[in-house]
Structure formats: C-alpha cells, structure tokens
Protein backbone atom coordinates (compact mmCIF):
# COMPACT_ATOMS: atom_id res chain seq x y z
CA MET A 1 26.08 54.28 -59.93
CA ALA A 2 27.57 52.99 -63.51
CA PRO A 3 28.41 49.06 -63.96
CA PRO A 4 32.20 48.45 -63.16
CA PRO A 5 33.69 47.83 -66.38
CA PRO A 6 33.91 44.17 -67.48
CA ALA A 7 37.63 42.25 -67.01
CA ALA A 8 39.86 42.60 -69.02
CA PRO A 9 40.90 38.73 -70.92
CA MET A 10 43.55 36.92 -69.77
CA PRO A 11 46.47 37.01 -72.50
CA PRO A 12 47.85 35.01 -74.78
CA PRO A 13 51.09 32.98 -74.06
CA PRO A 14 54.14 34.53 -75.27
CA PRO A 15 55.15 33.13 -78.49
CA GLY A 16 57.42 30.59 -78.56
CA LEU A 17 56.42 28.58 -75.55
CA PRO A 18 53.78 26.00 -76.01
CA ALA A 19 50.34 26.65 -74.29
CA GLU A 20 49.55 25.07 -70.89
CA PRO A 21 47.07 22.00 -71.61
CA VAL A 22 43.85 21.72 -69.58
CA SER A 23 43.68 18.79 -67.81
CA ASN A 24 43.17 17.26 -64.27
CA VAL A 25 46.39 15.43 -64.32
CA ASP A 26 49.04 16.28 -61.86
CA LYS A 27 51.44 19.15 -62.74
CA GLY A 28 54.32 16.94 -62.01
CA ILE A 29 53.28 14.63 -65.41
CA VAL A 30 52.61 17.72 -66.73
CA GLN A 31 56.06 19.37 -66.68
CA ASP A 32 57.90 16.13 -66.91
CA ALA A 33 58.04 14.38 -70.32
CA ASN A 34 59.10 11.15 -68.95
CA ALA A 35 56.70 11.34 -65.25
CA GLY A 36 55.61 8.08 -67.24
CA ARG A 37 57.76 5.45 -66.80
CA MET A 38 61.52 5.46 -64.18
CA TRP A 39 64.12 4.22 -65.77
CA MET A 40 62.56 0.58 -67.11
CA ALA A 41 59.03 -0.06 -65.40
CA PRO A 42 56.12 2.32 -65.77
CA THR A 43 54.76 4.96 -63.34
CA ALA A 44 50.77 4.99 -62.16
CA LEU A 45 50.49 8.41 -63.64
CA THR A 46 49.30 9.45 -67.27
CA GLU A 47 49.56 12.33 -69.31
CA PRO A 48 46.68 14.79 -70.99
CA ALA A 49 44.44 13.76 -73.30
CA GLY A 50 45.94 13.91 -76.41
CA THR A 51 49.18 14.06 -76.26
CA TRP A 52 52.14 12.05 -78.23
CA SER A 53 55.46 11.56 -76.72
CA PHE A 54 57.91 9.78 -79.00
CA SER A 55 61.09 8.07 -77.32
CA ASP A 56 64.29 6.55 -77.70
CA TYR A 57 66.67 4.59 -75.87
CA GLU A 58 69.56 3.98 -76.31
CA LEU A 59 69.83 4.55 -79.84
CA LEU A 60 68.59 1.73 -80.88
CA LEU A 61 64.95 0.83 -79.02
CA VAL A 62 62.16 3.75 -79.78
CA GLY A 63 59.04 4.30 -79.02
CA LEU A 64 55.47 6.22 -79.45
CA SER A 65 53.47 7.13 -77.52
CA TYR A 66 49.33 8.35 -77.34
CA ALA A 67 47.38 9.63 -74.84
CA VAL A 68 43.55 8.63 -75.23
CA THR A 69 41.99 9.94 -72.45
CA ASP A 70 43.95 11.43 -69.63
CA THR A 71 44.14 7.67 -67.33
CA VAL A 72 44.20 6.02 -71.16
CA SER A 73 47.68 5.76 -73.27
CA ILE A 74 48.61 3.49 -75.43
CA SER A 75 51.76 2.99 -76.98
CA ALA A 76 54.32 1.10 -79.52
CA ASN A 77 58.09 0.05 -79.11
CA THR A 78 60.16 -1.57 -81.27
CA LEU A 79 64.10 -2.59 -82.57
CA LEU A 80 65.47 0.22 -85.18
CA PRO A 81 66.99 -2.38 -88.29
CA ILE A 82 70.26 -1.09 -87.96
CA VAL A 83 71.93 -3.76 -88.72
CA GLU A 84 71.38 -6.62 -91.96
CA ASP A 85 69.73 -10.14 -89.45
CA MET A 86 68.65 -7.68 -87.06
CA PRO A 87 66.51 -9.75 -85.03
CA PHE A 88 62.57 -8.21 -84.81
CA TRP A 89 61.05 -7.50 -81.73
CA MET A 90 57.85 -5.28 -81.21
CA LEU A 91 55.94 -4.35 -77.93
CA LEU A 92 52.07 -3.13 -77.56
CA ASN A 93 51.16 -1.45 -74.40
CA GLY A 94 47.92 -0.20 -72.80
CA LYS A 95 48.08 1.01 -69.78
CA ALA A 96 44.92 2.50 -67.37
CA GLN A 97 45.16 4.83 -63.86
CA ILE A 98 41.73 3.57 -62.13
CA VAL A 99 42.54 5.52 -58.72
CA ARG A 100 43.20 9.01 -57.99
CA SER A 101 43.01 9.68 -54.39
CA GLY A 102 44.93 12.08 -52.37
CA ASN A 103 48.84 11.38 -53.20
CA VAL A 104 48.11 8.31 -54.40
CA ARG A 105 47.93 6.86 -58.05
CA LEU A 106 47.22 3.03 -59.17
CA ALA A 107 47.57 2.17 -62.87
CA VAL A 108 47.04 -1.52 -64.56
CA GLN A 109 48.67 -2.45 -67.84
CA GLY A 110 48.64 -4.86 -70.12
CA ALA A 111 51.25 -4.94 -73.39
CA LEU A 112 51.59 -7.91 -76.21
CA THR A 113 55.27 -8.47 -76.92
CA HIS A 114 56.71 -10.22 -80.10
CA GLY A 115 60.11 -11.64 -81.35
CA ARG A 116 61.54 -13.05 -84.35
CA GLU A 117 64.47 -14.61 -85.93
CA ASN A 118 65.73 -16.68 -88.16
CA GLY A 119 62.43 -17.01 -89.25
CA GLU A 120 61.71 -17.93 -85.43
CA GLY A 121 58.71 -16.12 -83.46
CA VAL A 122 57.83 -15.87 -79.69
CA THR A 123 54.84 -14.01 -78.41
CA ALA A 124 53.71 -13.16 -74.62
CA GLY A 125 51.25 -11.65 -72.85
CA ILE A 126 51.82 -9.11 -69.50
CA LEU A 127 50.28 -8.08 -67.25
CA GLY A 128 50.92 -5.92 -63.93
CA GLY A 129 50.35 -2.28 -61.93
CA ALA A 130 52.14 0.49 -60.76
CA LEU A 131 51.78 2.48 -57.66
CA SER A 132 52.97 5.78 -57.39
CA TYR A 133 52.63 7.64 -54.40
CA CYS A 134 53.38 11.31 -54.79
CA LEU A 135 56.23 13.45 -52.50
CA ASP A 136 53.87 16.87 -52.58
CA VAL A 137 50.92 17.74 -53.90
CA ASP A 138 52.29 18.52 -57.68
CA CYS A 139 53.27 14.80 -58.32
CA HIS A 140 57.18 16.06 -59.31
CA SER A 141 58.44 13.95 -56.34
CA LEU A 142 57.75 10.01 -56.12
CA VAL A 143 58.43 6.79 -54.50
CA ASN A 144 56.82 4.04 -57.03
CA ALA A 145 56.47 -0.33 -57.31
CA TYR A 146 55.77 -2.17 -60.11
CA VAL A 147 54.73 -5.90 -60.15
CA GLY A 148 54.30 -7.60 -63.70
CA ALA A 149 53.21 -11.13 -65.41
CA GLY A 150 54.65 -12.45 -68.11
CA PHE A 151 51.99 -15.08 -69.79
CA ALA A 152 53.62 -17.08 -72.92
CA HIS A 153 51.12 -19.83 -73.86
CA GLU A 154 47.63 -21.24 -72.45
CA ASP A 155 49.96 -24.76 -70.34
CA GLN A 156 52.54 -22.57 -69.36
CA SER A 157 52.61 -23.83 -65.35
CA ALA A 158 55.35 -21.32 -64.61
CA VAL A 159 55.08 -17.47 -64.34
CA PRO A 160 58.03 -14.64 -64.25
CA LEU A 161 57.60 -12.29 -62.36
CA VAL A 162 59.25 -8.54 -62.53
CA MET A 163 59.29 -6.61 -59.75
CA SER A 164 60.32 -2.87 -59.41
CA GLY A 165 60.61 -0.51 -56.24
CA SER A 166 61.98 3.48 -57.55
CA LEU A 167 62.53 6.82 -56.08
CA LEU A 168 62.40 9.99 -58.41
CA TYR A 169 62.66 13.43 -56.25
CA ARG A 170 62.93 17.33 -57.94
CA VAL A 171 65.55 18.70 -56.12
CA SER A 172 65.39 21.45 -58.74
CA LYS A 173 62.58 22.96 -61.80
CA TYR A 174 64.18 20.56 -64.33
CA VAL A 175 66.83 17.94 -62.34
CA LYS A 176 65.72 15.15 -60.50
CA ILE A 177 67.45 12.34 -58.95
CA MET A 178 66.69 8.39 -59.81
CA LEU A 179 66.53 5.09 -58.07
CA GLU A 180 65.19 2.05 -59.37
CA ALA A 181 66.02 -1.87 -58.92
CA ASP A 182 64.25 -4.25 -60.27
CA THR A 183 64.41 -8.24 -59.60
CA LEU A 184 62.92 -11.67 -61.41
CA ARG A 185 61.20 -14.24 -59.45
CA ILE A 186 59.37 -17.67 -60.97
CA VAL A 187 56.80 -18.93 -59.44
CA GLY A 188 54.16 -21.58 -60.50
CA ASN A 189 53.73 -26.10 -59.62
CA ASP A 190 55.92 -26.83 -57.12
CA ILE A 191 58.21 -23.78 -58.26
CA ASN A 192 59.23 -21.11 -55.83
CA GLN A 193 62.87 -18.89 -57.14
CA GLY A 194 63.99 -15.86 -57.96
CA VAL A 195 67.17 -14.65 -59.33
CA ASP A 196 70.78 -13.77 -56.43
CA GLY A 197 70.46 -10.43 -56.92
CA PHE A 198 68.72 -7.26 -59.06
CA LEU A 199 69.64 -4.60 -61.07
CA ALA A 200 70.08 -1.43 -59.53
CA TRP A 201 69.49 1.83 -61.76
CA TYR A 202 71.02 5.35 -60.79
CA GLY A 203 71.51 8.92 -62.47
CA VAL A 204 69.25 11.75 -62.81
CA ARG A 205 66.65 13.43 -65.41
CA PHE A 206 66.56 16.47 -67.24
CA THR A 207 63.30 17.18 -67.36
CA SER A 208 60.46 19.83 -69.25
CA LYS A 209 56.81 19.59 -70.95
CA ILE A 210 58.76 18.76 -74.19
CA ILE A 211 61.14 17.40 -74.17
CA GLY A 212 63.07 14.47 -71.27
CA VAL A 213 66.76 13.07 -70.96
CA ASP A 214 67.46 10.47 -68.62
CA LEU A 215 70.98 10.00 -67.95
CA GLY A 216 72.54 7.50 -65.78
CA PHE A 217 73.93 3.86 -65.56
CA VAL A 218 72.80 -0.30 -64.66
CA LYS A 219 74.56 -2.29 -63.12
CA PRO A 220 73.56 -5.58 -61.49
CA ILE A 221 74.16 -6.16 -57.71
CA CYS A 222 74.77 -10.11 -56.68
CA THR A 223 73.52 -11.98 -53.22
CA GLY A 224 74.69 -14.99 -51.95
CA ASP A 225 77.15 -17.09 -53.31
CA SER A 226 76.60 -15.57 -57.39
CA ASP A 227 79.14 -13.44 -58.72
CA CYS A 228 77.30 -10.74 -61.63
CA SER A 229 80.90 -8.77 -62.00
CA ASP A 230 80.00 -6.66 -65.05
CA GLY A 231 84.04 -5.44 -64.59
CA LEU A 232 82.87 -1.86 -64.30
CA VAL A 233 82.66 0.22 -61.37
CA MET A 234 80.11 2.06 -61.68
CA GLY A 235 78.26 0.33 -64.49
CA VAL A 236 76.63 0.29 -67.51
CA PRO A 237 75.76 4.09 -68.85
CA PHE A 238 72.78 4.46 -69.83
CA VAL A 239 70.83 7.44 -71.80
CA SER A 240 66.37 7.99 -72.81
CA PHE A 241 65.40 11.23 -74.03
CA THR A 242 61.39 11.92 -74.93
CA TYR A 243 59.82 14.79 -77.54
CA ARG A 244 56.24 15.43 -76.39
CA SER A 245 53.96 17.23 -77.97
CA PHE A 246 50.61 18.21 -76.80
CA LYS A 247 47.24 18.34 -77.75
CA GLU A 248 46.53 22.18 -78.69
C-alpha cells in the first residue's frame, strides 16, 4: 500500500494582519494591548517576550515598555515638556510574574521615581505586588488587587501604602468594562491613618492586539465628614491609549 501524502503546510496569515505571537502568556493579554494595567494600577499579566509598547495618558504622560521575557517587563514613563519651566518627572519600572497557576496570576513590581522643579529634586522607590484572578480560561476578564509602598529615604518613619481594587469585564470581542477604586494609607511609628475616601474610576476599554484605548472618568468619593466635591457629576474625563509591536 502506498504511504499517505504528506500534510499540506499551514497557510501564512492574510496580508495586513499581524502574526500571532508564539508564547505561553494568556490570550487575554495577547489580544488586549492594555491588559498589563487597569486605569492606573498594574495587573499581574505580562506580555509576550520581545513586545514593545508605547502608551500615552491624557496627552501629557507618555511611556515606553519592553517585555524582556514572557514573565518580565521593564518600562519608563515621563511628562512631556510642553510648556516652559515644566517640572521634570521620570518613573522607571520593572515587573515580574512569579505565579501562574490555574486562574491565579501574581506579580511583583519595583519602581524608581524622580521629580525635579526649580533646581530641587526628590527621588523615591516603590515596591508592590499585583494579584489577578482570571474570570475565564483565557483571562480576558479579571479581578485585580494591587498594594504598593513608597520609600523616600533611609530614616523615613512612615510608609505610604497605595491600595487598589479593580474589575475588567469583557462584554464583546473589542469592548471591556473597567472599574477601579484607589485609596491611600500611611503606616509607621505611632502612625496608622488613611484618607477619608477613595478615587473611583469607571469607563470602557476598546482593545485589540495592536491598539488599546481607555475612555472614562475619575471621581473622588469621600467618606465620613470630609468634603471632596469636584463640582463634576460624572468626574474628570480620562483617556489613554497604547500602541504595541510584537516581535516577529
């Protein structure tokens, strides 16, 4: 009996469409250019190795990131000097995913930030972690928690803690709903106090493999006797976008 003919090779992707990157990362981040973060807080998801991303927040804040491996990424963010005497600000950041088990993703993050205005500068470090729980097998939807601690100098007696909780829910192939709440607490020697309220973020994400756009609002919500009304019923409009390039 004659042997069967060899299987035909897989056809190349149609012209004009990016090739699917080969990696072990979740499809949810491969198909979402903004999946590495929520409104502001990072998620525990990491991009395929060799991926470059350019991000812009409110036109003034820009950032560039690179995925060193499937689990490690680095980034830099700064303010654009659009006016004279614009203060300088730079944030250098690194993130490493250390747990990928079932629906759970865990990442640690370290950052160094420096600001300078009128010849005076301040440098601080940030250490934090993000815990993401995927609501589907490909991690298109997730709940996320983040805690970050700031350190300014060695004899610092109090540590600011930024805490965030968020939800990303996929409603269609290219649209997701995003909710986030951020708050601050100061802990240290004889200090344990927090702000009376939180920042509430809400809106939608329009996403694809190459471009992601977040459109929404941020509004301070006060508790207790505090008054933080901003005069805007819906809050302050917020927009950000990301352009991403995969390694070929």
